[in-house]
Amino acid sequence: MQVRAFDTRGRLVPALATAIVAVLATAALILLEFTPRHDVRAAGPGMITSAAADRAGATVLPTDPITTGSVRAR
């Protein structure tokens, strides 16, 4: 009676594919997050928000600095 070993060929292919995708996605995220864009104008984020709100037809109101970030229990 002969005993055959388990066929282990191809068992690591899904793990290797997942690792490659994870490494590439992480590298792309780091590259896009920490490199400056070349077409960004020297305006603050408020100007971009205001322009986007104007295009959408919305009105942007200033936030009250007294109540910003504070939670009060009553």
PDB file of N, CA and C in Angstrom:
ATOM      1  N   MET A   1       0.838  -1.173   0.000  1.00  0.00           N
ATOM      2  CA  MET A   1       0.000   0.000   0.000  1.00  0.00           C
ATOM      3  C   MET A   1       0.886   1.238   0.000  1.00  0.00           C
ATOM      4  N   GLN A   2       0.635   2.142  -0.941  1.00  0.00           N
ATOM      5  CA  GLN A   2       1.414   3.366  -1.035  1.00  0.00           C
ATOM      6  C   GLN A   2       0.608   4.539  -0.468  1.00  0.00           C
ATOM      7  N   VAL A   3       1.327   5.416   0.225  1.00  0.00           N
ATOM      8  CA  VAL A   3       0.700   6.622   0.762  1.00  0.00           C
ATOM      9  C   VAL A   3       1.263   7.805  -0.005  1.00  0.00           C
ATOM     10  N   ARG A   4       0.371   8.599  -0.540  1.00  0.00           N
ATOM     11  CA  ARG A   4       0.824   9.775  -1.292  1.00  0.00           C
ATOM     12  C   ARG A   4       0.754  11.017  -0.413  1.00  0.00           C
ATOM     13  N   ALA A   5       1.700  11.876  -0.596  1.00  0.00           N
ATOM     14  CA  ALA A   5       1.704  13.143   0.147  1.00  0.00           C
ATOM     15  C   ALA A   5       0.653  14.073  -0.444  1.00  0.00           C
ATOM     16  N   PHE A   6       0.227  15.002   0.376  1.00  0.00           N
ATOM     17  CA  PHE A   6      -0.747  15.991  -0.089  1.00  0.00           C
ATOM     18  C   PHE A   6      -0.141  16.824  -1.212  1.00  0.00           C
ATOM     19  N   ASP A   7      -0.970  17.193  -2.146  1.00  0.00           N
ATOM     20  CA  ASP A   7      -0.517  18.047  -3.249  1.00  0.00           C
ATOM     21  C   ASP A   7      -0.532  19.487  -2.754  1.00  0.00           C
ATOM     22  N   THR A   8       0.639  20.051  -2.517  1.00  0.00           N
ATOM     23  CA  THR A   8       0.728  21.400  -1.956  1.00  0.00           C
ATOM     24  C   THR A   8       1.003  22.461  -3.010  1.00  0.00           C
ATOM     25  N   ARG A   9       1.014  22.076  -4.277  1.00  0.00           N
ATOM     26  CA  ARG A   9       1.274  23.066  -5.319  1.00  0.00           C
ATOM     27  C   ARG A   9       0.093  24.023  -5.429  1.00  0.00           C
ATOM     28  N   GLY A  10       0.378  25.299  -5.475  1.00  0.00           N
ATOM     29  CA  GLY A  10      -0.650  26.306  -5.676  1.00  0.00           C
ATOM     30  C   GLY A  10      -1.378  26.744  -4.424  1.00  0.00           C
ATOM     31  N   ARG A  11      -0.993  26.267  -3.282  1.00  0.00           N
ATOM     32  CA  ARG A  11      -1.683  26.653  -2.053  1.00  0.00           C
ATOM     33  C   ARG A  11      -1.301  28.060  -1.598  1.00  0.00           C
ATOM     34  N   LEU A  12      -0.146  28.541  -1.987  1.00  0.00           N
ATOM     35  CA  LEU A  12       0.294  29.870  -1.567  1.00  0.00           C
ATOM     36  C   LEU A  12      -0.057  30.962  -2.573  1.00  0.00           C
ATOM     37  N   VAL A  13      -0.614  30.607  -3.696  1.00  0.00           N
ATOM     38  CA  VAL A  13      -0.912  31.600  -4.729  1.00  0.00           C
ATOM     39  C   VAL A  13      -1.892  32.661  -4.232  1.00  0.00           C
ATOM     40  N   PRO A  14      -3.015  32.320  -3.583  1.00  0.00           N
ATOM     41  CA  PRO A  14      -3.911  33.373  -3.083  1.00  0.00           C
ATOM     42  C   PRO A  14      -3.249  34.268  -2.034  1.00  0.00           C
ATOM     43  N   ALA A  15      -2.445  33.683  -1.162  1.00  0.00           N
ATOM     44  CA  ALA A  15      -1.764  34.478  -0.140  1.00  0.00           C
ATOM     45  C   ALA A  15      -0.745  35.425  -0.771  1.00  0.00           C
ATOM     46  N   LEU A  16      -0.018  34.949  -1.757  1.00  0.00           N
ATOM     47  CA  LEU A  16       0.959  35.810  -2.431  1.00  0.00           C
ATOM     48  C   LEU A  16       0.269  36.926  -3.206  1.00  0.00           C
ATOM     49  N   ALA A  17      -0.833  36.610  -3.864  1.00  0.00           N
ATOM     50  CA  ALA A  17      -1.568  37.637  -4.605  1.00  0.00           C
ATOM     51  C   ALA A  17      -2.111  38.704  -3.653  1.00  0.00           C
ATOM     52  N   THR A  18      -2.626  38.276  -2.518  1.00  0.00           N
ATOM     53  CA  THR A  18      -3.140  39.221  -1.523  1.00  0.00           C
ATOM     54  C   THR A  18      -2.019  40.098  -0.975  1.00  0.00           C
ATOM     55  N   ALA A  19      -0.880  39.515  -0.711  1.00  0.00           N
ATOM     56  CA  ALA A  19       0.255  40.290  -0.194  1.00  0.00           C
ATOM     57  C   ALA A  19       0.740  41.305  -1.219  1.00  0.00           C
ATOM     58  N   ILE A  20       0.785  40.915  -2.478  1.00  0.00           N
ATOM     59  CA  ILE A  20       1.227  41.846  -3.523  1.00  0.00           C
ATOM     60  C   ILE A  20       0.260  43.007  -3.663  1.00  0.00           C
ATOM     61  N   VAL A  21      -1.043  42.722  -3.642  1.00  0.00           N
ATOM     62  CA  VAL A  21      -2.042  43.791  -3.730  1.00  0.00           C
ATOM     63  C   VAL A  21      -1.945  44.713  -2.529  1.00  0.00           C
ATOM     64  N   ALA A  22      -1.751  44.154  -1.343  1.00  0.00           N
ATOM     65  CA  ALA A  22      -1.640  44.978  -0.135  1.00  0.00           C
ATOM     66  C   ALA A  22      -0.411  45.881  -0.178  1.00  0.00           C
ATOM     67  N   VAL A  23       0.704  45.358  -0.633  1.00  0.00           N
ATOM     68  CA  VAL A  23       1.933  46.158  -0.715  1.00  0.00           C
ATOM     69  C   VAL A  23       1.777  47.277  -1.744  1.00  0.00           C
ATOM     70  N   LEU A  24       1.207  46.965  -2.894  1.00  0.00           N
ATOM     71  CA  LEU A  24       1.016  47.987  -3.930  1.00  0.00           C
ATOM     72  C   LEU A  24       0.031  49.060  -3.484  1.00  0.00           C
ATOM     73  N   ALA A  25      -1.041  48.655  -2.827  1.00  0.00           N
ATOM     74  CA  ALA A  25      -2.025  49.632  -2.350  1.00  0.00           C
ATOM     75  C   ALA A  25      -1.426  50.536  -1.276  1.00  0.00           C
ATOM     76  N   THR A  26      -0.644  49.965  -0.380  1.00  0.00           N
ATOM     77  CA  THR A  26       0.003  50.769   0.663  1.00  0.00           C
ATOM     78  C   THR A  26       1.013  51.738   0.054  1.00  0.00           C
ATOM     79  N   ALA A  27       1.777  51.287  -0.912  1.00  0.00           N
ATOM     80  CA  ALA A  27       2.753  52.164  -1.571  1.00  0.00           C
ATOM     81  C   ALA A  27       2.043  53.299  -2.314  1.00  0.00           C
ATOM     82  N   ALA A  28       0.944  52.990  -2.979  1.00  0.00           N
ATOM     83  CA  ALA A  28       0.191  54.031  -3.689  1.00  0.00           C
ATOM     84  C   ALA A  28      -0.396  55.037  -2.713  1.00  0.00           C
ATOM     85  N   LEU A  29      -0.917  54.547  -1.593  1.00  0.00           N
ATOM     86  CA  LEU A  29      -1.481  55.446  -0.586  1.00  0.00           C
ATOM     87  C   LEU A  29      -0.418  56.381  -0.025  1.00  0.00           C
ATOM     88  N   ILE A  30       0.739  55.842   0.305  1.00  0.00           N
ATOM     89  CA  ILE A  30       1.824  56.677   0.840  1.00  0.00           C
ATOM     90  C   ILE A  30       2.299  57.670  -0.212  1.00  0.00           C
ATOM     91  N   LEU A  31       2.436  57.220  -1.435  1.00  0.00           N
ATOM     92  CA  LEU A  31       2.898  58.093  -2.510  1.00  0.00           C
ATOM     93  C   LEU A  31       1.916  59.237  -2.745  1.00  0.00           C
ATOM     94  N   LEU A  32       0.635  58.932  -2.806  1.00  0.00           N
ATOM     95  CA  LEU A  32      -0.362  59.965  -3.069  1.00  0.00           C
ATOM     96  C   LEU A  32      -0.620  60.858  -1.859  1.00  0.00           C
ATOM     97  N   GLU A  33      -0.424  60.331  -0.669  1.00  0.00           N
ATOM     98  CA  GLU A  33      -0.698  61.109   0.537  1.00  0.00           C
ATOM     99  C   GLU A  33       0.416  62.112   0.850  1.00  0.00           C
ATOM    100  N   PHE A  34       1.653  61.734   0.616  1.00  0.00           N
ATOM    101  CA  PHE A  34       2.761  62.568   1.060  1.00  0.00           C
ATOM    102  C   PHE A  34       3.482  63.318  -0.049  1.00  0.00           C
ATOM    103  N   THR A  35       3.054  63.199  -1.283  1.00  0.00           N
ATOM    104  CA  THR A  35       3.650  63.991  -2.347  1.00  0.00           C
ATOM    105  C   THR A  35       2.697  65.119  -2.710  1.00  0.00           C
ATOM    106  N   PRO A  36       3.206  66.336  -2.856  1.00  0.00           N
ATOM    107  CA  PRO A  36       2.315  67.454  -3.178  1.00  0.00           C
ATOM    108  C   PRO A  36       1.834  67.382  -4.621  1.00  0.00           C
ATOM    109  N   ARG A  37       0.643  67.848  -4.817  1.00  0.00           N
ATOM    110  CA  ARG A  37       0.111  67.902  -6.173  1.00  0.00           C
ATOM    111  C   ARG A  37       0.704  69.094  -6.900  1.00  0.00           C
ATOM    112  N   HIS A  38       0.840  68.982  -8.191  1.00  0.00           N
ATOM    113  CA  HIS A  38       1.461  70.048  -8.971  1.00  0.00           C
ATOM    114  C   HIS A  38       0.447  71.103  -9.394  1.00  0.00           C
ATOM    115  N   ASP A  39      -0.834  70.788  -9.417  1.00  0.00           N
ATOM    116  CA  ASP A  39      -1.828  71.720  -9.919  1.00  0.00           C
ATOM    117  C   ASP A  39      -2.635  72.416  -8.817  1.00  0.00           C
ATOM    118  N   VAL A  40      -2.194  72.293  -7.576  1.00  0.00           N
ATOM    119  CA  VAL A  40      -2.916  72.911  -6.471  1.00  0.00           C
ATOM    120  C   VAL A  40      -2.498  74.371  -6.366  1.00  0.00           C
ATOM    121  N   ARG A  41      -3.486  75.218  -6.336  1.00  0.00           N
ATOM    122  CA  ARG A  41      -3.194  76.652  -6.174  1.00  0.00           C
ATOM    123  C   ARG A  41      -2.896  76.952  -4.709  1.00  0.00           C
ATOM    124  N   ALA A  42      -2.316  78.081  -4.435  1.00  0.00           N
ATOM    125  CA  ALA A  42      -1.924  78.443  -3.077  1.00  0.00           C
ATOM    126  C   ALA A  42      -3.095  79.045  -2.315  1.00  0.00           C
ATOM    127  N   ALA A  43      -4.234  78.394  -2.352  1.00  0.00           N
ATOM    128  CA  ALA A  43      -5.408  78.856  -1.613  1.00  0.00           C
ATOM    129  C   ALA A  43      -5.649  77.908  -0.452  1.00  0.00           C
ATOM    130  N   GLY A  44      -6.279  78.429   0.576  1.00  0.00           N
ATOM    131  CA  GLY A  44      -6.580  77.605   1.735  1.00  0.00           C
ATOM    132  C   GLY A  44      -7.741  76.666   1.453  1.00  0.00           C
ATOM    133  N   PRO A  45      -7.960  75.719   2.340  1.00  0.00           N
ATOM    134  CA  PRO A  45      -9.052  74.775   2.136  1.00  0.00           C
ATOM    135  C   PRO A  45     -10.419  75.445   2.192  1.00  0.00           C
ATOM    136  N   GLY A  46     -10.503  76.591   2.852  1.00  0.00           N
ATOM    137  CA  GLY A  46     -11.774  77.312   2.902  1.00  0.00           C
ATOM    138  C   GLY A  46     -12.197  77.817   1.534  1.00  0.00           C
ATOM    139  N   MET A  47     -11.231  78.198   0.722  1.00  0.00           N
ATOM    140  CA  MET A  47     -11.551  78.668  -0.624  1.00  0.00           C
ATOM    141  C   MET A  47     -12.084  77.527  -1.489  1.00  0.00           C
ATOM    142  N   ILE A  48     -11.519  76.351  -1.333  1.00  0.00           N
ATOM    143  CA  ILE A  48     -11.982  75.195  -2.098  1.00  0.00           C
ATOM    144  C   ILE A  48     -13.386  74.821  -1.662  1.00  0.00           C
ATOM    145  N   THR A  49     -13.631  74.841  -0.349  1.00  0.00           N
ATOM    146  CA  THR A  49     -14.962  74.529   0.179  1.00  0.00           C
ATOM    147  C   THR A  49     -15.981  75.540  -0.306  1.00  0.00           C
ATOM    148  N   SER A  50     -15.607  76.804  -0.289  1.00  0.00           N
ATOM    149  CA  SER A  50     -16.516  77.853  -0.734  1.00  0.00           C
ATOM    150  C   SER A  50     -16.835  77.709  -2.220  1.00  0.00           C
ATOM    151  N   ALA A  51     -15.843  77.409  -3.023  1.00  0.00           N
ATOM    152  CA  ALA A  51     -16.073  77.239  -4.459  1.00  0.00           C
ATOM    153  C   ALA A  51     -16.965  76.030  -4.729  1.00  0.00           C
ATOM    154  N   ALA A  52     -16.748  74.940  -4.004  1.00  0.00           N
ATOM    155  CA  ALA A  52     -17.581  73.750  -4.184  1.00  0.00           C
ATOM    156  C   ALA A  52     -19.012  74.021  -3.744  1.00  0.00           C
ATOM    157  N   ALA A  53     -19.168  74.756  -2.657  1.00  0.00           N
ATOM    158  CA  ALA A  53     -20.512  75.084  -2.182  1.00  0.00           C
ATOM    159  C   ALA A  53     -21.219  76.014  -3.166  1.00  0.00           C
ATOM    160  N   ASP A  54     -20.499  76.970  -3.740  1.00  0.00           N
ATOM    161  CA  ASP A  54     -21.097  77.864  -4.732  1.00  0.00           C
ATOM    162  C   ASP A  54     -21.557  77.103  -5.966  1.00  0.00           C
ATOM    163  N   ARG A  55     -20.759  76.154  -6.409  1.00  0.00           N
ATOM    164  CA  ARG A  55     -21.151  75.356  -7.570  1.00  0.00           C
ATOM    165  C   ARG A  55     -22.385  74.513  -7.285  1.00  0.00           C
ATOM    166  N   ALA A  56     -22.521  74.071  -6.039  1.00  0.00           N
ATOM    167  CA  ALA A  56     -23.676  73.246  -5.676  1.00  0.00           C
ATOM    168  C   ALA A  56     -24.895  74.097  -5.358  1.00  0.00           C
ATOM    169  N   GLY A  57     -24.719  75.412  -5.245  1.00  0.00           N
ATOM    170  CA  GLY A  57     -25.837  76.294  -4.936  1.00  0.00           C
ATOM    171  C   GLY A  57     -26.122  76.389  -3.444  1.00  0.00           C
ATOM    172  N   ALA A  58     -25.147  76.023  -2.611  1.00  0.00           N
ATOM    173  CA  ALA A  58     -25.337  76.059  -1.162  1.00  0.00           C
ATOM    174  C   ALA A  58     -24.722  77.325  -0.581  1.00  0.00           C
ATOM    175  N   THR A  59     -25.070  77.606   0.656  1.00  0.00           N
ATOM    176  CA  THR A  59     -24.530  78.757   1.370  1.00  0.00           C
ATOM    177  C   THR A  59     -23.688  78.250   2.532  1.00  0.00           C
ATOM    178  N   VAL A  60     -22.482  78.778   2.661  1.00  0.00           N
ATOM    179  CA  VAL A  60     -21.597  78.390   3.756  1.00  0.00           C
ATOM    180  C   VAL A  60     -21.654  79.474   4.813  1.00  0.00           C
ATOM    181  N   LEU A  61     -22.004  79.068   6.031  1.00  0.00           N
ATOM    182  CA  LEU A  61     -22.072  80.002   7.150  1.00  0.00           C
ATOM    183  C   LEU A  61     -20.898  79.746   8.088  1.00  0.00           C
ATOM    184  N   PRO A  62     -20.362  80.798   8.701  1.00  0.00           N
ATOM    185  CA  PRO A  62     -19.244  80.597   9.629  1.00  0.00           C
ATOM    186  C   PRO A  62     -19.709  79.853  10.882  1.00  0.00           C
ATOM    187  N   THR A  63     -18.779  79.123  11.492  1.00  0.00           N
ATOM    188  CA  THR A  63     -19.067  78.370  12.700  1.00  0.00           C
ATOM    189  C   THR A  63     -18.834  79.257  13.912  1.00  0.00           C
ATOM    190  N   ASP A  64     -19.702  79.128  14.898  1.00  0.00           N
ATOM    191  CA  ASP A  64     -19.561  79.892  16.138  1.00  0.00           C
ATOM    192  C   ASP A  64     -18.380  79.337  16.927  1.00  0.00           C
ATOM    193  N   PRO A  65     -17.340  80.132  17.182  1.00  0.00           N
ATOM    194  CA  PRO A  65     -16.151  79.598  17.851  1.00  0.00           C
ATOM    195  C   PRO A  65     -16.405  79.206  19.308  1.00  0.00           C
ATOM    196  N   ILE A  66     -17.449  79.730  19.936  1.00  0.00           N
ATOM    197  CA  ILE A  66     -17.720  79.406  21.334  1.00  0.00           C
ATOM    198  C   ILE A  66     -18.227  77.967  21.464  1.00  0.00           C
ATOM    199  N   THR A  67     -19.057  77.541  20.536  1.00  0.00           N
ATOM    200  CA  THR A  67     -19.652  76.204  20.643  1.00  0.00           C
ATOM    201  C   THR A  67     -18.912  75.147  19.835  1.00  0.00           C
ATOM    202  N   THR A  68     -17.905  75.512  19.094  1.00  0.00           N
ATOM    203  CA  THR A  68     -17.176  74.537  18.286  1.00  0.00           C
ATOM    204  C   THR A  68     -16.346  73.620  19.167  1.00  0.00           C
ATOM    205  N   GLY A  69     -16.563  72.333  19.049  1.00  0.00           N
ATOM    206  CA  GLY A  69     -15.765  71.359  19.755  1.00  0.00           C
ATOM    207  C   GLY A  69     -16.138  71.154  21.202  1.00  0.00           C
ATOM    208  N   SER A  70     -17.178  71.802  21.668  1.00  0.00           N
ATOM    209  CA  SER A  70     -17.556  71.601  23.068  1.00  0.00           C
ATOM    210  C   SER A  70     -18.889  70.867  23.147  1.00  0.00           C
ATOM    211  N   VAL A  71     -18.933  69.891  24.012  1.00  0.00           N
ATOM    212  CA  VAL A  71     -20.162  69.152  24.246  1.00  0.00           C
ATOM    213  C   VAL A  71     -20.566  69.413  25.686  1.00  0.00           C
ATOM    214  N   ARG A  72     -21.765  69.867  25.851  1.00  0.00           N
ATOM    215  CA  ARG A  72     -22.231  70.192  27.208  1.00  0.00           C
ATOM    216  C   ARG A  72     -23.366  69.258  27.595  1.00  0.00           C
ATOM    217  N   ALA A  73     -23.258  68.691  28.783  1.00  0.00           N
ATOM    218  CA  ALA A  73     -24.327  67.842  29.291  1.00  0.00           C
ATOM    219  C   ALA A  73     -25.318  68.725  30.046  1.00  0.00           C
ATOM    220  N   ARG A  74     -26.574  68.517  29.757  1.00  0.00           N
ATOM    221  CA  ARG A  74     -27.595  69.341  30.450  1.00  0.00           C
ATOM    222  C   ARG A  74     -28.325  68.536  31.475  1.00  0.00           C
TER     223      ARG A  74
END
